[in-house]
Amino acid sequence: MLFRNLIMLFEGLIREKDTVYFETAFQKARGKYLVSTALNHFAALLPTAKVYPSLYYEAVIDGKKARCETDGLILFDKNLFIIEG
């Protein structure tokens, strides 16, 4: 609990000091770290799985084609894990 509170404290200090940096660069870097760490853990836990990071696909939304993205897909046996950070 102490570690989690320290993270929240430091993030609050960063946001207070430079909101633009926090909302752009910091949030983006934190998201990339979260996703890559999650995918690495899945790969370690499921060594025969196929792991695919940052995939794009087309979907029809409200009758219009849209480019969509998922942070990761993991194929393991007949299971599919979709990772969103």
Protein backbone atom coordinates (compact mmCIF):
# COMPACT_ATOMS: atom_id res chain seq x y z
CA MET A 1 0.00 0.00 0.00
CA LEU A 2 2.85 2.36 0.81
CA PHE A 3 4.43 1.83 -2.63
CA ARG A 4 1.11 2.55 -4.41
CA ASN A 5 0.64 5.73 -2.39
CA LEU A 6 4.14 6.90 -3.29
CA ILE A 7 3.40 6.41 -6.98
CA MET A 8 0.18 8.42 -6.67
CA LEU A 9 2.05 11.12 -4.76
CA PHE A 10 4.79 11.42 -7.38
CA GLU A 11 2.26 11.44 -10.22
CA GLY A 12 0.37 14.22 -8.44
CA LEU A 13 3.57 16.25 -8.11
CA ILE A 14 4.34 15.79 -11.81
CA ARG A 15 0.81 16.83 -12.79
CA GLU A 16 0.97 19.88 -10.49
CA LYS A 17 4.37 20.98 -11.85
CA ASP A 18 3.61 20.53 -15.57
CA THR A 19 0.09 19.54 -16.60
CA VAL A 20 0.86 19.54 -20.32
CA TYR A 21 3.81 17.17 -19.87
CA PHE A 22 1.73 14.92 -17.59
CA GLU A 23 -1.19 14.72 -20.03
CA THR A 24 0.99 14.07 -23.08
CA ALA A 25 4.44 12.55 -22.62
CA PHE A 26 4.06 11.05 -19.12
CA GLN A 27 0.68 9.40 -19.71
CA LYS A 28 1.84 7.99 -23.06
CA ALA A 29 5.06 6.55 -21.58
CA ARG A 30 3.18 5.08 -18.62
CA GLY A 31 0.68 3.42 -20.97
CA LYS A 32 3.42 1.90 -23.12
CA TYR A 33 5.16 0.55 -20.02
CA LEU A 34 1.93 -0.92 -18.68
CA VAL A 35 1.13 -2.74 -21.92
CA SER A 36 4.67 -4.00 -22.58
CA THR A 37 4.98 -5.27 -19.01
CA ALA A 38 1.61 -7.04 -19.19
CA LEU A 39 2.53 -8.67 -22.51
CA ASN A 40 5.92 -9.77 -21.14
CA HIS A 41 4.25 -11.34 -18.09
CA PHE A 42 1.76 -13.21 -20.27
CA ALA A 43 4.60 -14.43 -22.49
CA ALA A 44 6.50 -15.69 -19.42
CA LEU A 45 3.42 -17.39 -17.96
CA LEU A 46 2.35 -18.91 -21.28
CA PRO A 47 5.60 -19.72 -23.11
CA THR A 48 3.85 -21.36 -26.09
CA ALA A 49 1.55 -18.38 -26.64
CA LYS A 50 1.90 -16.04 -29.59
CA VAL A 51 2.00 -12.41 -28.47
CA TYR A 52 1.17 -9.55 -30.85
CA PRO A 53 1.56 -5.96 -29.59
CA SER A 54 -0.08 -2.83 -31.07
CA LEU A 55 -2.40 -4.18 -33.74
CA TYR A 56 -4.64 -2.12 -36.01
CA TYR A 57 -7.83 -3.22 -37.75
CA GLU A 58 -10.76 -1.73 -39.63
CA ALA A 59 -14.29 -1.73 -38.27
CA VAL A 60 -17.55 -0.22 -39.40
CA ILE A 61 -18.87 2.21 -36.79
CA ASP A 62 -22.11 4.07 -37.47
CA GLY A 63 -21.87 3.02 -41.13
CA LYS A 64 -18.35 4.44 -41.57
CA LYS A 65 -15.04 2.64 -41.75
CA ALA A 66 -12.79 3.42 -38.81
CA ARG A 67 -9.21 2.46 -38.01
CA CYS A 68 -9.17 0.83 -34.60
CA GLU A 69 -6.31 -0.32 -32.41
CA THR A 70 -5.73 -2.85 -29.68
CA ASP A 71 -2.73 -2.78 -27.39
CA GLY A 72 -2.09 -6.51 -27.68
CA LEU A 73 -3.42 -9.90 -28.66
CA ILE A 74 -2.31 -13.16 -27.15
CA LEU A 75 -3.16 -16.50 -28.76
CA PHE A 76 -2.86 -19.49 -26.46
CA ASP A 77 -4.27 -22.86 -27.50
CA LYS A 78 -7.85 -21.97 -28.48
CA ASN A 79 -7.95 -18.85 -26.31
CA LEU A 80 -7.61 -15.23 -27.31
CA PHE A 81 -6.66 -12.54 -24.81
CA ILE A 82 -7.21 -8.93 -25.81
CA ILE A 83 -5.00 -6.51 -23.89
CA GLU A 84 -6.10 -2.89 -23.46
CA GLY A 85 -4.14 -0.52 -21.26
